[in-house]
Amino acid sequence: RAASFLSALREMASRLNATGTIHFKGCAMFRHRIVAATLAGRTIRITDIRAGSDAPGLRDFEASFLRLVEKVTNGCVIEINDTGTKLRYKPGMITGGAGIEHDCGKSRGIGWVLEGL
């Protein structure tokens, strides 16, 4: 798991553009990209999220993970287009999670969510 997180950080560094936004394509390593962007304080843009699929866009568990990240940070901005195939994430400051309640759903195991935290 640590190796995949480190590879996400390396990939972020290689994709930095002049505006400071890091651009990715596809849904691979979704959680790692969100966590790495949060820790680095860098805005990311993800496009072509399952664009060629019969059911394009973010899945419910990915949207749920974004809602949880929004709860444990202060000031983050999440913009998702109508089809869910494009995402812009501007991280906020990590404030913690005392007293936060979140329904993780049943699409993924609790470990999938906790690993991202």
Foldseek 3Di string as FASTA:
>chain_A
DVVVLVVLLVQQVVQQDPVQEGEEEECPPVLSNQLSCQVVQTKYKYAQHVVVPPQGADDPLSVQLVVVQPQQFPPWDWDADPSRRMIIIGYGHGRGDPPDDGDNDDPDDPCVSVVSD
